[in-house]
Amino acid sequence: MKDYPLVSIITPVYNAELYIKDCIESIINQTYPHWELLLVDDCSQDGSINIIKSYILKDKRIKLFKNSKNLGPAGARNIALKNAHGKYITFLDSDDFILKDKIEKQVNFMISNQIKFSHGNYSFYNITNSNIKNIRVENFIDYKILLKGNQFKIMTVMIDRDILSNQIFSEVAHEDFLFFLNILEKGYKSQRYSEEYHSICRINIRNSVSFNKLKSAIWTWRIYRVYLNLGLLASIYYFVHYIIKGIKKYS
């Protein structure tokens, strides 16, 4: 495995002291050894940085960047993108974690199938680490399919940096949705790399943006109309599909 490509894992951090250990250790425990973890602290006011520094002393693959002002998740991810050296780019939010064979299986799949963009299934866990629900995602996702609703959880995605060029995250609500749409709009297609559930999204049901359906709907509509400049009829068409998918997802 020594000749396998480097994977850059991007993690924005903000007041994550309760969960950052689980996040980092899920990377350290990966069966795939060729990775770098880029943690971008977005002006945390808790003990996150001290925890991260303790891991840096043990593993030189872990790197810390500290923002001088709060940039939000989009800005933090952009800092990491500029400093990433990997052939493949993937993401992991500071309160989430992945199973130990996730990166190895995803890299092997992308190399074997010569693809540039892949995604996976994922699970919702609550703050006590109990499985709430498994989410199965479509096998192939292109631009028009993604417009009908963001099936990607950001930590399931892996992208060949060759297709990123200068693509960055816009500082808008649902920044990951817009980021992926901008990539797939160029004609690329994402393929699911496994039937398994390797990625764990930990949520607080009361506070999670994903569960604030009204705000999420408004933000999605703004992406259609403001940032993608879709016509009214096209926006209505995709928005109806988005609503239907949302009902199925959380029912």
C-alpha atoms as a PDB file:
ATOM      1  CA  MET A   1       0.000   0.000   0.000  1.00  0.00           C
ATOM      2  CA  LYS A   2       3.062   2.273   0.113  1.00  0.00           C
ATOM      3  CA  ASP A   3       2.453   3.575  -3.422  1.00  0.00           C
ATOM      4  CA  TYR A   4      -1.175   4.480  -2.798  1.00  0.00           C
ATOM      5  CA  PRO A   5      -2.108   8.180  -3.077  1.00  0.00           C
ATOM      6  CA  LEU A   6      -2.333  10.663  -0.242  1.00  0.00           C
ATOM      7  CA  VAL A   7      -5.812  11.524   1.031  1.00  0.00           C
ATOM      8  CA  SER A   8      -6.431  14.976   2.515  1.00  0.00           C
ATOM      9  CA  ILE A   9      -9.134  15.029   5.190  1.00  0.00           C
ATOM     10  CA  ILE A  10     -10.562  18.481   5.891  1.00  0.00           C
ATOM     11  CA  THR A  11     -12.124  19.273   9.272  1.00  0.00           C
ATOM     12  CA  PRO A  12     -13.370  22.688  10.398  1.00  0.00           C
ATOM     13  CA  VAL A  13     -13.357  23.029  14.188  1.00  0.00           C
ATOM     14  CA  TYR A  14     -15.416  25.331  16.371  1.00  0.00           C
ATOM     15  CA  ASN A  15     -15.973  24.648  20.084  1.00  0.00           C
ATOM     16  CA  ALA A  16     -15.776  20.907  19.473  1.00  0.00           C
ATOM     17  CA  GLU A  17     -14.084  19.698  22.663  1.00  0.00           C
ATOM     18  CA  LEU A  18     -16.854  17.176  23.404  1.00  0.00           C
ATOM     19  CA  TYR A  19     -16.436  15.259  20.142  1.00  0.00           C
ATOM     20  CA  ILE A  20     -13.119  16.155  18.514  1.00  0.00           C
ATOM     21  CA  LYS A  21     -11.351  13.170  20.114  1.00  0.00           C
ATOM     22  CA  ASP A  22     -13.774  10.733  18.468  1.00  0.00           C
ATOM     23  CA  CYS A  23     -13.320  12.531  15.159  1.00  0.00           C
ATOM     24  CA  ILE A  24      -9.510  12.486  15.225  1.00  0.00           C
ATOM     25  CA  GLU A  25      -9.230   8.934  16.520  1.00  0.00           C
ATOM     26  CA  SER A  26     -11.524   7.674  13.767  1.00  0.00           C
ATOM     27  CA  ILE A  27      -8.894   8.971  11.323  1.00  0.00           C
ATOM     28  CA  ILE A  28      -5.875   7.687  13.249  1.00  0.00           C
ATOM     29  CA  ASN A  29      -7.483   4.231  13.354  1.00  0.00           C
ATOM     30  CA  GLN A  30      -8.003   4.044   9.594  1.00  0.00           C
ATOM     31  CA  THR A  31      -6.653   0.932   7.872  1.00  0.00           C
ATOM     32  CA  TYR A  32      -5.450   3.262   5.104  1.00  0.00           C
ATOM     33  CA  PRO A  33      -2.253   4.967   6.326  1.00  0.00           C
ATOM     34  CA  HIS A  34      -1.614   7.546   3.597  1.00  0.00           C
ATOM     35  CA  TRP A  35      -3.568  10.528   4.838  1.00  0.00           C
ATOM     36  CA  GLU A  36      -3.173  14.019   6.204  1.00  0.00           C
ATOM     37  CA  LEU A  37      -5.735  15.542   8.550  1.00  0.00           C
ATOM     38  CA  LEU A  38      -6.122  19.298   8.162  1.00  0.00           C
ATOM     39  CA  LEU A  39      -7.924  20.775  11.158  1.00  0.00           C
ATOM     40  CA  VAL A  40      -8.899  24.437  10.872  1.00  0.00           C
ATOM     41  CA  ASP A  41      -9.814  26.045  14.179  1.00  0.00           C
ATOM     42  CA  ASP A  42     -12.362  28.800  13.644  1.00  0.00           C
ATOM     43  CA  CYS A  43     -11.683  30.781  16.850  1.00  0.00           C
ATOM     44  CA  SER A  44     -12.865  28.135  19.301  1.00  0.00           C
ATOM     45  CA  GLN A  45     -13.369  29.327  22.872  1.00  0.00           C
ATOM     46  CA  ASP A  46     -13.187  25.935  24.545  1.00  0.00           C
ATOM     47  CA  GLY A  47     -10.475  23.297  24.869  1.00  0.00           C
ATOM     48  CA  SER A  48     -10.515  22.136  21.244  1.00  0.00           C
ATOM     49  CA  ILE A  49      -7.046  23.459  20.364  1.00  0.00           C
ATOM     50  CA  ASN A  50      -5.362  21.840  23.360  1.00  0.00           C
ATOM     51  CA  ILE A  51      -6.902  18.489  22.463  1.00  0.00           C
ATOM     52  CA  ILE A  52      -5.748  18.831  18.856  1.00  0.00           C
ATOM     53  CA  LYS A  53      -2.216  19.794  19.909  1.00  0.00           C
ATOM     54  CA  SER A  54      -1.979  16.669  22.055  1.00  0.00           C
ATOM     55  CA  TYR A  55      -2.633  14.551  18.954  1.00  0.00           C
ATOM     56  CA  ILE A  56      -0.206  16.544  16.796  1.00  0.00           C
ATOM     57  CA  LEU A  57       2.578  15.598  19.213  1.00  0.00           C
ATOM     58  CA  LYS A  58       1.803  11.926  18.547  1.00  0.00           C
ATOM     59  CA  ASP A  59       1.147  11.980  14.789  1.00  0.00           C
ATOM     60  CA  LYS A  60       2.822  14.288  12.264  1.00  0.00           C
ATOM     61  CA  ARG A  61       0.058  13.599   9.722  1.00  0.00           C
ATOM     62  CA  ILE A  62      -2.219  15.876  11.762  1.00  0.00           C
ATOM     63  CA  LYS A  63      -1.977  19.593  10.983  1.00  0.00           C
ATOM     64  CA  LEU A  64      -3.611  22.567  12.687  1.00  0.00           C
ATOM     65  CA  PHE A  65      -4.489  25.916  11.133  1.00  0.00           C
ATOM     66  CA  LYS A  66      -5.900  28.709  13.283  1.00  0.00           C
ATOM     67  CA  ASN A  67      -8.107  31.436  11.867  1.00  0.00           C
ATOM     68  CA  SER A  68      -7.542  34.957  13.216  1.00  0.00           C
ATOM     69  CA  LYS A  69     -11.270  35.633  12.904  1.00  0.00           C
ATOM     70  CA  ASN A  70     -14.354  33.449  12.642  1.00  0.00           C
ATOM     71  CA  LEU A  71     -14.939  32.478   9.007  1.00  0.00           C
ATOM     72  CA  GLY A  72     -17.630  29.828   9.382  1.00  0.00           C
ATOM     73  CA  PRO A  73     -17.417  26.292   7.952  1.00  0.00           C
ATOM     74  CA  ALA A  74     -17.064  27.467   4.341  1.00  0.00           C
ATOM     75  CA  GLY A  75     -14.118  29.735   5.060  1.00  0.00           C
ATOM     76  CA  ALA A  76     -12.459  27.140   7.285  1.00  0.00           C
ATOM     77  CA  ARG A  77     -12.741  24.451   4.607  1.00  0.00           C
ATOM     78  CA  ASN A  78     -11.312  26.837   2.017  1.00  0.00           C
ATOM     79  CA  ILE A  79      -8.226  27.397   4.188  1.00  0.00           C
ATOM     80  CA  ALA A  80      -7.704  23.633   4.298  1.00  0.00           C
ATOM     81  CA  LEU A  81      -8.282  23.236   0.554  1.00  0.00           C
ATOM     82  CA  LYS A  82      -5.497  25.738  -0.133  1.00  0.00           C
ATOM     83  CA  ASN A  83      -3.108  23.777   2.082  1.00  0.00           C
ATOM     84  CA  ALA A  84      -4.088  20.238   1.055  1.00  0.00           C
ATOM     85  CA  HIS A  85      -1.507  18.057  -0.698  1.00  0.00           C
ATOM     86  CA  GLY A  86      -3.560  14.924  -1.317  1.00  0.00           C
ATOM     87  CA  LYS A  87      -4.572  13.319  -4.585  1.00  0.00           C
ATOM     88  CA  TYR A  88      -8.004  12.824  -3.046  1.00  0.00           C
ATOM     89  CA  ILE A  89      -9.966  15.297  -0.934  1.00  0.00           C
ATOM     90  CA  THR A  90     -12.516  14.254   1.663  1.00  0.00           C
ATOM     91  CA  PHE A  91     -14.236  15.960   4.574  1.00  0.00           C
ATOM     92  CA  LEU A  92     -15.152  15.198   8.165  1.00  0.00           C
ATOM     93  CA  ASP A  93     -16.918  17.603  10.492  1.00  0.00           C
ATOM     94  CA  SER A  94     -15.571  17.780  14.028  1.00  0.00           C
ATOM     95  CA  ASP A  95     -18.594  16.142  15.676  1.00  0.00           C
ATOM     96  CA  ASP A  96     -18.762  13.232  13.217  1.00  0.00           C
ATOM     97  CA  PHE A  97     -16.639  10.131  12.723  1.00  0.00           C
ATOM     98  CA  ILE A  98     -16.011   7.322  10.241  1.00  0.00           C
ATOM     99  CA  LEU A  99     -15.455   3.584  10.543  1.00  0.00           C
ATOM    100  CA  LYS A 100     -11.895   2.304  10.289  1.00  0.00           C
ATOM    101  CA  ASP A 101     -12.035   0.914   6.728  1.00  0.00           C
ATOM    102  CA  LYS A 102     -13.913   3.803   5.136  1.00  0.00           C
ATOM    103  CA  ILE A 103     -10.992   5.561   3.451  1.00  0.00           C
ATOM    104  CA  GLU A 104      -9.306   2.364   2.268  1.00  0.00           C
ATOM    105  CA  LYS A 105     -12.466   1.038   0.633  1.00  0.00           C
ATOM    106  CA  GLN A 106     -13.293   4.368  -0.965  1.00  0.00           C
ATOM    107  CA  VAL A 107      -9.805   4.914  -2.386  1.00  0.00           C
ATOM    108  CA  ASN A 108      -9.657   1.351  -3.723  1.00  0.00           C
ATOM    109  CA  PHE A 109     -13.049   1.823  -5.362  1.00  0.00           C
ATOM    110  CA  MET A 110     -12.040   5.066  -7.038  1.00  0.00           C
ATOM    111  CA  ILE A 111      -8.766   3.655  -8.323  1.00  0.00           C
ATOM    112  CA  SER A 112     -10.286   0.384  -9.525  1.00  0.00           C
ATOM    113  CA  ASN A 113     -13.141   2.134 -11.330  1.00  0.00           C
ATOM    114  CA  GLN A 114     -11.126   5.160 -12.480  1.00  0.00           C
ATOM    115  CA  ILE A 115     -13.657   7.655 -11.180  1.00  0.00           C
ATOM    116  CA  LYS A 116     -13.188  11.203  -9.930  1.00  0.00           C
ATOM    117  CA  PHE A 117     -16.071  11.616  -7.479  1.00  0.00           C
ATOM    118  CA  SER A 118     -17.619   9.124  -5.068  1.00  0.00           C
ATOM    119  CA  HIS A 119     -20.053   9.135  -2.171  1.00  0.00           C
ATOM    120  CA  GLY A 120     -21.509   6.697   0.345  1.00  0.00           C
ATOM    121  CA  ASN A 121     -24.346   5.785   2.643  1.00  0.00           C
ATOM    122  CA  TYR A 122     -24.359   7.155   6.179  1.00  0.00           C
ATOM    123  CA  SER A 123     -25.980   6.839   9.585  1.00  0.00           C
ATOM    124  CA  PHE A 124     -27.493   9.371  11.962  1.00  0.00           C
ATOM    125  CA  TYR A 125     -26.408   8.932  15.583  1.00  0.00           C
ATOM    126  CA  ASN A 126     -27.643  10.974  18.524  1.00  0.00           C
ATOM    127  CA  ILE A 127     -25.323  12.609  21.065  1.00  0.00           C
ATOM    128  CA  THR A 128     -25.231   9.392  23.124  1.00  0.00           C
ATOM    129  CA  ASN A 129     -23.976   7.434  20.069  1.00  0.00           C
ATOM    130  CA  SER A 130     -27.211   5.541  19.480  1.00  0.00           C
ATOM    131  CA  ASN A 131     -28.103   4.830  15.858  1.00  0.00           C
ATOM    132  CA  ILE A 132     -31.207   6.801  14.893  1.00  0.00           C
ATOM    133  CA  LYS A 133     -31.432   5.959  11.215  1.00  0.00           C
ATOM    134  CA  ASN A 134     -29.418   4.619   8.276  1.00  0.00           C
ATOM    135  CA  ILE A 135     -29.626   6.666   5.080  1.00  0.00           C
ATOM    136  CA  ARG A 136     -29.127   4.837   1.788  1.00  0.00           C
ATOM    137  CA  VAL A 137     -28.099   7.072  -1.093  1.00  0.00           C
ATOM    138  CA  GLU A 138     -28.608   6.526  -4.825  1.00  0.00           C
ATOM    139  CA  ASN A 139     -25.875   4.663  -6.679  1.00  0.00           C
ATOM    140  CA  PHE A 140     -25.229   7.341  -9.323  1.00  0.00           C
ATOM    141  CA  ILE A 141     -25.756  11.064  -8.779  1.00  0.00           C
ATOM    142  CA  ASP A 142     -25.322  13.718 -11.449  1.00  0.00           C
ATOM    143  CA  TYR A 143     -26.163  17.414 -11.496  1.00  0.00           C
ATOM    144  CA  LYS A 144     -29.869  17.046 -12.251  1.00  0.00           C
ATOM    145  CA  ILE A 145     -30.344  14.324  -9.647  1.00  0.00           C
ATOM    146  CA  LEU A 146     -28.570  16.392  -7.004  1.00  0.00           C
ATOM    147  CA  LEU A 147     -30.753  19.397  -7.799  1.00  0.00           C
ATOM    148  CA  LYS A 148     -33.707  17.371  -6.527  1.00  0.00           C
ATOM    149  CA  GLY A 149     -32.193  17.307  -3.053  1.00  0.00           C
ATOM    150  CA  ASN A 150     -28.766  17.038  -1.467  1.00  0.00           C
ATOM    151  CA  GLN A 151     -28.264  13.315  -0.934  1.00  0.00           C
ATOM    152  CA  PHE A 152     -24.603  13.794  -0.022  1.00  0.00           C
ATOM    153  CA  LYS A 153     -23.440  13.966   3.560  1.00  0.00           C
ATOM    154  CA  ILE A 154     -20.150  15.789   3.278  1.00  0.00           C
ATOM    155  CA  MET A 155     -18.096  13.161   5.143  1.00  0.00           C
ATOM    156  CA  THR A 156     -19.123  10.443   2.660  1.00  0.00           C
ATOM    157  CA  VAL A 157     -17.736  12.302  -0.352  1.00  0.00           C
ATOM    158  CA  MET A 158     -14.267  11.830  -1.846  1.00  0.00           C
ATOM    159  CA  ILE A 159     -13.120  13.907  -4.808  1.00  0.00           C
ATOM    160  CA  ASP A 160     -10.089  13.683  -7.076  1.00  0.00           C
ATOM    161  CA  ARG A 161      -8.418  17.085  -6.771  1.00  0.00           C
ATOM    162  CA  ASP A 162      -7.932  17.096 -10.570  1.00  0.00           C
ATOM    163  CA  ILE A 163     -11.584  18.096 -10.997  1.00  0.00           C
ATOM    164  CA  LEU A 164     -11.601  20.719  -8.252  1.00  0.00           C
ATOM    165  CA  SER A 165      -9.341  23.247 -10.027  1.00  0.00           C
ATOM    166  CA  ASN A 166     -10.071  26.463  -8.097  1.00  0.00           C
ATOM    167  CA  GLN A 167     -13.436  25.383  -6.732  1.00  0.00           C
ATOM    168  CA  ILE A 168     -14.082  26.718  -3.222  1.00  0.00           C
ATOM    169  CA  PHE A 169     -16.965  26.831  -0.776  1.00  0.00           C
ATOM    170  CA  SER A 170     -19.200  29.893  -1.024  1.00  0.00           C
ATOM    171  CA  GLU A 171     -20.083  31.566   2.259  1.00  0.00           C
ATOM    172  CA  VAL A 172     -23.796  30.803   2.054  1.00  0.00           C
ATOM    173  CA  ALA A 173     -26.193  28.565   3.924  1.00  0.00           C
ATOM    174  CA  HIS A 174     -26.029  24.983   2.568  1.00  0.00           C
ATOM    175  CA  GLU A 175     -22.520  25.738   1.302  1.00  0.00           C
ATOM    176  CA  ASP A 176     -21.762  22.051   0.774  1.00  0.00           C
ATOM    177  CA  PHE A 177     -24.833  21.579  -1.450  1.00  0.00           C
ATOM    178  CA  LEU A 178     -23.785  24.482  -3.672  1.00  0.00           C
ATOM    179  CA  PHE A 179     -20.156  23.294  -3.708  1.00  0.00           C
ATOM    180  CA  PHE A 180     -21.129  19.850  -5.002  1.00  0.00           C
ATOM    181  CA  LEU A 181     -23.621  21.273  -7.504  1.00  0.00           C
ATOM    182  CA  ASN A 182     -20.924  23.521  -8.967  1.00  0.00           C
ATOM    183  CA  ILE A 183     -18.676  20.489  -9.502  1.00  0.00           C
ATOM    184  CA  LEU A 184     -21.319  18.201 -10.997  1.00  0.00           C
ATOM    185  CA  GLU A 185     -22.598  20.992 -13.239  1.00  0.00           C
ATOM    186  CA  LYS A 186     -19.358  20.564 -15.203  1.00  0.00           C
ATOM    187  CA  GLY A 187     -20.566  17.134 -16.324  1.00  0.00           C
ATOM    188  CA  TYR A 188     -19.086  14.908 -13.635  1.00  0.00           C
ATOM    189  CA  LYS A 189     -21.032  12.122 -11.958  1.00  0.00           C
ATOM    190  CA  SER A 190     -20.629  10.657  -8.489  1.00  0.00           C
ATOM    191  CA  GLN A 191     -20.855   6.935  -7.773  1.00  0.00           C
ATOM    192  CA  ARG A 192     -21.590   5.206  -4.475  1.00  0.00           C
ATOM    193  CA  TYR A 193     -18.512   3.266  -3.405  1.00  0.00           C
ATOM    194  CA  SER A 194     -20.144   0.782  -1.010  1.00  0.00           C
ATOM    195  CA  GLU A 195     -23.456  -0.558   0.269  1.00  0.00           C
ATOM    196  CA  GLU A 196     -22.145  -0.276   3.839  1.00  0.00           C
ATOM    197  CA  TYR A 197     -22.635   2.588   6.284  1.00  0.00           C
ATOM    198  CA  HIS A 198     -19.116   3.804   7.064  1.00  0.00           C
ATOM    199  CA  SER A 199     -19.903   7.434   7.942  1.00  0.00           C
ATOM    200  CA  ILE A 200     -21.565   8.567  11.145  1.00  0.00           C
ATOM    201  CA  CYS A 201     -23.292  11.938  11.416  1.00  0.00           C
ATOM    202  CA  ARG A 202     -23.855  12.818  15.056  1.00  0.00           C
ATOM    203  CA  ILE A 203     -26.833  15.138  15.549  1.00  0.00           C
ATOM    204  CA  ASN A 204     -28.660  16.986  18.262  1.00  0.00           C
ATOM    205  CA  ILE A 205     -32.220  16.704  16.991  1.00  0.00           C
ATOM    206  CA  ARG A 206     -33.287  19.949  18.664  1.00  0.00           C
ATOM    207  CA  ASN A 207     -30.457  22.057  17.278  1.00  0.00           C
ATOM    208  CA  SER A 208     -29.444  20.421  13.987  1.00  0.00           C
ATOM    209  CA  VAL A 209     -29.788  22.563  10.857  1.00  0.00           C
ATOM    210  CA  SER A 210     -30.905  19.445   9.002  1.00  0.00           C
ATOM    211  CA  PHE A 211     -33.944  19.244  11.253  1.00  0.00           C
ATOM    212  CA  ASN A 212     -34.845  22.923  10.946  1.00  0.00           C
ATOM    213  CA  LYS A 213     -36.891  22.224   7.875  1.00  0.00           C
ATOM    214  CA  LEU A 214     -38.246  25.709   7.239  1.00  0.00           C
ATOM    215  CA  LYS A 215     -34.829  27.379   7.189  1.00  0.00           C
ATOM    216  CA  SER A 216     -33.417  24.537   5.122  1.00  0.00           C
ATOM    217  CA  ALA A 217     -36.197  24.930   2.561  1.00  0.00           C
ATOM    218  CA  ILE A 218     -35.630  28.685   2.322  1.00  0.00           C
ATOM    219  CA  TRP A 219     -31.889  28.206   1.850  1.00  0.00           C
ATOM    220  CA  THR A 220     -32.445  25.559  -0.825  1.00  0.00           C
ATOM    221  CA  TRP A 221     -34.801  27.851  -2.713  1.00  0.00           C
ATOM    222  CA  ARG A 222     -32.191  30.639  -2.579  1.00  0.00           C
ATOM    223  CA  ILE A 223     -29.577  28.311  -4.044  1.00  0.00           C
ATOM    224  CA  TYR A 224     -31.875  27.549  -6.979  1.00  0.00           C
ATOM    225  CA  ARG A 225     -32.893  31.136  -7.674  1.00  0.00           C
ATOM    226  CA  VAL A 226     -29.991  33.306  -6.497  1.00  0.00           C
ATOM    227  CA  TYR A 227     -26.811  31.252  -6.806  1.00  0.00           C
ATOM    228  CA  LEU A 228     -27.648  28.916  -9.703  1.00  0.00           C
ATOM    229  CA  ASN A 229     -29.963  31.388 -11.475  1.00  0.00           C
ATOM    230  CA  LEU A 230     -32.515  28.720 -12.315  1.00  0.00           C
ATOM    231  CA  GLY A 231     -35.764  29.875 -13.899  1.00  0.00           C
ATOM    232  CA  LEU A 232     -38.951  29.952 -11.854  1.00  0.00           C
ATOM    233  CA  LEU A 233     -40.483  26.811 -13.359  1.00  0.00           C
ATOM    234  CA  ALA A 234     -37.245  24.839 -13.066  1.00  0.00           C
ATOM    235  CA  SER A 235     -36.854  25.991  -9.466  1.00  0.00           C
ATOM    236  CA  ILE A 236     -40.394  24.913  -8.609  1.00  0.00           C
ATOM    237  CA  TYR A 237     -39.816  21.528 -10.276  1.00  0.00           C
ATOM    238  CA  TYR A 238     -36.652  20.783  -8.310  1.00  0.00           C
ATOM    239  CA  PHE A 239     -38.028  22.269  -5.099  1.00  0.00           C
ATOM    240  CA  VAL A 240     -41.034  19.924  -5.179  1.00  0.00           C
ATOM    241  CA  HIS A 241     -38.660  16.970  -5.553  1.00  0.00           C
ATOM    242  CA  TYR A 242     -36.563  18.358  -2.691  1.00  0.00           C
ATOM    243  CA  ILE A 243     -39.633  18.468  -0.424  1.00  0.00           C
ATOM    244  CA  ILE A 244     -40.637  14.914  -1.351  1.00  0.00           C
ATOM    245  CA  LYS A 245     -37.132  13.582  -0.691  1.00  0.00           C
ATOM    246  CA  GLY A 246     -37.022  15.402   2.632  1.00  0.00           C
ATOM    247  CA  ILE A 247     -40.294  13.845   3.753  1.00  0.00           C
ATOM    248  CA  LYS A 248     -39.031  10.372   2.861  1.00  0.00           C
ATOM    249  CA  LYS A 249     -35.644  10.970   4.496  1.00  0.00           C
ATOM    250  CA  TYR A 250     -36.936  12.021   7.898  1.00  0.00           C
ATOM    251  CA  SER A 251     -40.112   9.940   8.053  1.00  0.00           C
END
